[in-house]
Amino acid sequence: MYQTIVVEKTAGVAKLTLNRPDRLNSFNVQMHEELQQALDDIATDGESRCLLITGAGRGFCAGQDLSDRAVSSDQDTPDLGVSVEKFYNPLIRRVTQLKMPVVCALNGVAAGAGASLVMACDIVIAARSSSFILSFAKIGLIPDSGSSWHFARAIGLPRAKALAMLGEKLKAEQAEQWGLIYQVVDDEVLSDKANEITSYFAKQPTEALAHIKQLVHSTFDNTLNEQLEKERLLMQHLGRSENYREGVAAFMEKREPDFKG
């Protein structure tokens, strides 16, 4: 069905693998179009309760495939704003607004918009050999696809500006120490650890998890009083759900809960 990505669905987990390993899984128009279609399907299939994103081969994603929009001195330059508006911004919005947890298994380098995609995920498990590179400035551009937003909030303005302006490689272990990602694991156990987390999420109250991610995102835009009110409304809503009823019953009966999506 797809040529640049692979989608597998098992027991409530949708696994999406970027699959252009010969180009370090860099983005081209076809990949963007297939990602849009796949994410729309996962969001509405009625069975997926968690999404896992990873890359095929030795890297996660090298960002934009520059050969897909190469220009010479005698050509008109492309309108990169159109590319961002049509492909990259919708991709980041789809991932961050997906009503289920999104886990990234970071294998190898995540450069440019590839790093942006990683940061759009809710939980990042990184192989020890993996790394980030905000490589935009090296070709005369600025961080896009939400990089300027996510990196600044995760590691602070001084580090975010340095990474973006210097374009230096940030190794996974340093990213973990800075609070950019959740956890670093040995390369050989990356897949097992990611599967462990996604399998857990596939059995949890999906609606509550979706509200948690959106609630945490909103903290940077709301005052404390606004956030308190938002929490109150969500507690009111979720307190009337069957999953809350089941969770309390399972706790009282000392058994595992049987949550629904």
Protein backbone atom coordinates (compact mmCIF):
# COMPACT_ATOMS: atom_id res chain seq x y z
CA MET A 1 0.00 0.00 0.00
CA TYR A 2 2.80 2.41 0.93
CA GLN A 3 6.25 2.74 -0.65
CA THR A 4 8.07 5.11 1.71
CA ILE A 5 6.62 4.00 5.05
CA VAL A 6 5.49 0.75 6.66
CA VAL A 7 2.41 0.56 8.89
CA GLU A 8 1.72 -2.45 11.11
CA LYS A 9 -1.14 -2.82 13.58
CA THR A 10 -1.06 -5.35 16.42
CA ALA A 11 -3.14 -5.54 19.61
CA GLY A 12 -4.03 -1.87 19.75
CA VAL A 13 -0.58 -0.59 18.71
CA ALA A 14 0.03 1.04 15.34
CA LYS A 15 3.70 0.99 14.33
CA LEU A 16 4.79 3.47 11.65
CA THR A 17 8.27 2.99 10.21
CA LEU A 18 9.87 5.60 7.96
CA ASN A 19 11.18 3.43 5.14
CA ARG A 20 13.66 5.13 2.85
CA PRO A 21 16.80 3.69 4.43
CA ASP A 22 18.96 4.42 1.38
CA ARG A 23 18.22 8.13 1.94
CA LEU A 24 18.35 7.95 5.76
CA ASN A 25 14.53 8.10 5.70
CA SER A 26 14.59 11.72 4.55
CA PHE A 27 11.31 13.37 3.61
CA ASN A 28 10.14 13.72 0.03
CA VAL A 29 6.70 14.61 -1.32
CA GLN A 30 5.63 10.98 -1.59
CA MET A 31 6.56 10.27 2.03
CA HIS A 32 4.63 13.32 3.20
CA GLU A 33 1.55 12.25 1.28
CA GLU A 34 1.76 8.71 2.63
CA LEU A 35 2.28 9.96 6.18
CA GLN A 36 -0.83 12.14 5.91
CA GLN A 37 -2.88 9.19 4.72
CA ALA A 38 -1.49 6.79 7.32
CA LEU A 39 -1.95 9.16 10.27
CA ASP A 40 -5.51 9.95 9.24
CA ASP A 41 -6.22 6.21 9.05
CA ILE A 42 -4.65 5.49 12.46
CA ALA A 43 -6.63 8.33 14.04
CA THR A 44 -9.95 6.96 12.80
CA ASP A 45 -9.53 3.17 12.58
CA GLY A 46 -11.23 2.54 15.92
CA GLU A 47 -8.62 -0.01 16.98
CA SER A 48 -5.32 1.83 17.47
CA ARG A 49 -4.73 3.06 21.03
CA CYS A 50 -1.05 3.94 20.74
CA LEU A 51 1.31 4.93 17.90
CA LEU A 52 4.99 3.96 17.67
CA ILE A 53 7.20 5.84 15.20
CA THR A 54 10.68 4.65 14.21
CA GLY A 55 12.99 4.52 11.22
CA ALA A 56 14.28 1.71 9.03
CA GLY A 57 18.00 1.05 8.73
CA ARG A 58 20.79 2.97 10.43
CA GLY A 59 19.04 6.31 10.95
CA PHE A 60 15.72 7.71 12.10
CA CYS A 61 15.29 10.59 9.66
CA ALA A 62 17.74 13.00 8.02
CA GLY A 63 15.11 15.68 7.49
CA GLN A 64 14.23 17.03 4.06
CA ASP A 65 15.62 15.14 1.08
CA LEU A 66 17.44 18.06 -0.57
CA SER A 67 17.65 16.22 -3.88
CA ASP A 68 13.84 16.35 -3.97
CA ARG A 69 13.99 20.14 -4.28
CA ALA A 70 17.51 20.79 -5.52
CA VAL A 71 18.06 24.14 -7.22
CA SER A 72 20.84 25.60 -9.35
CA SER A 73 21.94 29.19 -9.74
CA ASP A 74 19.92 29.68 -12.92
CA GLN A 75 16.65 28.34 -11.48
CA ASP A 76 13.93 30.07 -9.55
CA THR A 77 14.15 29.13 -5.90
CA PRO A 78 11.26 27.10 -4.47
CA ASP A 79 8.79 28.64 -2.05
CA LEU A 80 9.75 26.80 1.12
CA GLY A 81 6.87 28.44 2.96
CA VAL A 82 4.46 26.50 0.77
CA SER A 83 6.28 23.26 1.59
CA VAL A 84 6.08 24.01 5.31
CA GLU A 85 2.41 24.94 5.11
CA LYS A 86 1.41 21.97 2.94
CA PHE A 87 3.47 19.18 4.47
CA TYR A 88 5.51 19.88 7.60
CA ASN A 89 3.08 21.88 9.71
CA PRO A 90 0.21 19.43 9.08
CA LEU A 91 2.50 16.52 10.00
CA ILE A 92 3.47 18.05 13.35
CA ARG A 93 -0.14 18.99 14.09
CA ARG A 94 -1.35 15.47 13.29
CA VAL A 95 1.20 13.89 15.63
CA THR A 96 0.80 16.31 18.54
CA GLN A 97 -3.01 16.33 18.32
CA LEU A 98 -3.44 12.58 17.87
CA LYS A 99 -5.84 11.35 20.55
CA MET A 100 -3.54 8.61 21.77
CA PRO A 101 0.02 8.36 23.11
CA VAL A 102 2.77 8.64 20.49
CA VAL A 103 6.06 6.90 21.29
CA CYS A 104 9.25 7.40 19.29
CA ALA A 105 11.94 4.71 19.12
CA LEU A 106 14.87 6.87 18.05
CA ASN A 107 17.39 4.79 16.11
CA GLY A 108 20.35 6.69 14.72
CA VAL A 109 20.42 10.32 13.66
CA ALA A 110 17.43 12.66 13.72
CA ALA A 111 18.40 15.73 11.72
CA GLY A 112 16.50 18.84 10.69
CA ALA A 113 12.79 18.13 10.40
CA GLY A 114 13.55 14.58 11.52
CA ALA A 115 14.45 16.03 14.93
CA SER A 116 11.24 18.05 14.80
CA LEU A 117 9.21 14.88 14.28
CA VAL A 118 10.89 13.22 17.25
CA MET A 119 10.01 16.15 19.50
CA ALA A 120 6.38 16.07 18.39
CA CYS A 121 6.08 12.61 19.99
CA ASP A 122 4.97 12.21 23.60
CA ILE A 123 7.64 9.79 24.82
CA VAL A 124 11.05 9.31 23.21
CA ILE A 125 13.11 6.19 23.84
CA ALA A 126 16.54 6.61 22.22
CA ALA A 127 19.23 4.15 21.29
CA ARG A 128 22.53 5.03 22.95
CA SER A 129 24.14 5.58 19.55
CA SER A 130 21.44 7.97 18.33
CA SER A 131 21.74 11.75 18.08
CA PHE A 132 20.06 15.03 17.12
CA ILE A 133 21.28 17.68 14.69
CA LEU A 134 19.42 20.94 14.09
CA SER A 135 21.08 21.35 10.72
CA PHE A 136 18.91 24.14 9.28
CA ALA A 137 21.42 26.98 9.68
CA LYS A 138 24.05 25.02 7.74
CA ILE A 139 21.98 25.56 4.57
CA GLY A 140 20.86 29.09 5.42
CA LEU A 141 17.50 28.24 6.99
CA ILE A 142 15.78 28.38 10.38
CA PRO A 143 14.38 25.50 12.45
CA ASP A 144 10.89 24.64 11.27
CA SER A 145 8.27 21.97 11.94
CA GLY A 146 7.97 23.09 15.54
CA SER A 147 11.66 22.75 16.42
CA SER A 148 11.93 26.29 17.73
CA TRP A 149 8.88 25.65 19.96
CA HIS A 150 9.69 22.17 21.26
CA PHE A 151 13.42 22.56 21.85
CA ALA A 152 13.13 25.90 23.67
CA ARG A 153 10.47 24.54 26.01
CA ALA A 154 12.32 21.30 26.69
CA ILE A 155 15.87 22.56 27.30
CA GLY A 156 15.57 26.34 27.67
CA LEU A 157 16.46 29.29 25.45
CA PRO A 158 20.29 29.27 25.79
CA ARG A 159 20.70 25.62 24.80
CA ALA A 160 18.02 25.77 22.11
CA LYS A 161 19.64 28.79 20.46
CA ALA A 162 23.09 27.21 20.62
CA LEU A 163 21.90 23.97 19.03
CA ALA A 164 20.06 25.81 16.28
CA MET A 165 22.80 28.33 15.51
CA LEU A 166 25.85 26.08 15.81
CA GLY A 167 24.27 23.00 14.24
CA GLU A 168 26.31 20.72 16.47
CA LYS A 169 25.43 17.08 17.06
CA LEU A 170 23.69 16.35 20.34
CA LYS A 171 24.22 12.77 21.47
CA ALA A 172 21.36 10.83 23.00
CA GLU A 173 22.89 10.60 26.47
CA GLN A 174 23.36 14.38 26.62
CA ALA A 175 19.81 14.87 25.34
CA GLU A 176 18.55 12.71 28.20
CA GLN A 177 20.61 14.66 30.76
CA TRP A 178 19.22 17.94 29.44
CA GLY A 179 15.64 16.68 29.70
CA LEU A 180 15.02 16.67 25.95
CA ILE A 181 13.99 13.00 25.83
CA TYR A 182 12.61 10.46 28.26
CA GLN A 183 15.16 7.63 28.26
CA VAL A 184 18.30 6.25 26.61
CA VAL A 185 18.75 2.49 26.31
CA ASP A 186 21.35 0.22 24.75
CA ASP A 187 20.86 -0.15 21.02
CA GLU A 188 20.06 -3.85 21.18
CA VAL A 189 17.11 -3.36 23.56
CA LEU A 190 15.55 -0.29 21.90
CA SER A 191 12.84 -2.25 20.12
CA ASP A 192 11.98 -4.31 23.20
CA LYS A 193 11.72 -1.22 25.43
CA ALA A 194 9.55 0.64 22.92
CA ASN A 195 7.27 -2.38 22.52
CA GLU A 196 6.99 -2.68 26.30
CA ILE A 197 5.77 0.90 26.61
CA THR A 198 3.40 0.79 23.65
CA SER A 199 1.90 -2.51 24.81
CA TYR A 200 1.27 -0.90 28.20
CA PHE A 201 -0.43 2.12 26.63
CA ALA A 202 -2.63 -0.11 24.46
CA LYS A 203 -4.28 -1.42 27.64
CA GLN A 204 -4.72 1.94 29.39
CA PRO A 205 -7.63 4.46 29.30
CA THR A 206 -6.87 6.07 25.95
CA GLU A 207 -9.15 9.06 26.33
CA ALA A 208 -7.55 10.05 29.64
CA LEU A 209 -4.06 9.73 28.13
CA ALA A 210 -5.09 11.93 25.19
CA HIS A 211 -6.35 14.59 27.58
CA ILE A 212 -3.14 14.38 29.62
CA LYS A 213 -0.96 15.18 26.60
CA GLN A 214 -3.15 18.12 25.58
CA LEU A 215 -3.36 19.38 29.17
CA VAL A 216 0.43 19.38 29.54
CA HIS A 217 0.83 21.13 26.17
CA SER A 218 -1.55 23.88 27.27
CA THR A 219 0.44 24.81 30.38
CA PHE A 220 2.66 27.18 28.39
CA ASP A 221 -0.32 29.18 27.18
CA ASN A 222 -2.52 29.30 30.30
CA THR A 223 -2.34 31.10 33.60
CA LEU A 224 -2.51 28.98 36.74
CA ASN A 225 -6.18 29.83 37.21
CA GLU A 226 -6.95 28.94 33.59
CA GLN A 227 -5.13 25.63 34.00
CA LEU A 228 -6.96 24.87 37.24
CA GLU A 229 -10.27 25.43 35.49
CA LYS A 230 -9.25 23.23 32.59
CA GLU A 231 -8.28 20.48 35.03
CA ARG A 232 -11.64 20.82 36.78
CA LEU A 233 -13.60 20.45 33.55
CA LEU A 234 -11.61 17.41 32.44
CA MET A 235 -11.99 15.75 35.84
CA GLN A 236 -15.72 16.37 35.64
CA HIS A 237 -15.86 14.81 32.18
CA LEU A 238 -13.62 11.80 32.86
CA GLY A 239 -15.25 11.14 36.24
CA ARG A 240 -18.39 10.20 34.35
CA SER A 241 -16.61 7.75 32.05
CA GLU A 242 -16.84 3.98 32.05
CA ASN A 243 -13.05 3.79 32.29
CA TYR A 244 -13.08 5.65 35.61
CA ARG A 245 -15.79 3.33 36.87
CA GLU A 246 -13.77 0.31 35.74
CA GLY A 247 -10.52 1.66 37.20
CA VAL A 248 -12.03 2.17 40.63
CA ALA A 249 -13.76 -1.23 40.55
CA ALA A 250 -10.52 -2.97 39.57
CA PHE A 251 -8.64 -1.21 42.38
CA MET A 252 -11.23 -2.21 44.96
CA GLU A 253 -11.35 -5.78 43.67
CA LYS A 254 -7.54 -6.03 43.45
CA ARG A 255 -7.50 -7.02 39.77
CA GLU A 256 -6.19 -5.62 36.50
CA PRO A 257 -8.59 -3.12 34.91
CA ASP A 258 -10.13 -3.75 31.51
CA PHE A 259 -9.99 -0.28 29.98
CA LYS A 260 -11.56 0.57 26.64
CA GLY A 261 -10.23 2.95 24.02
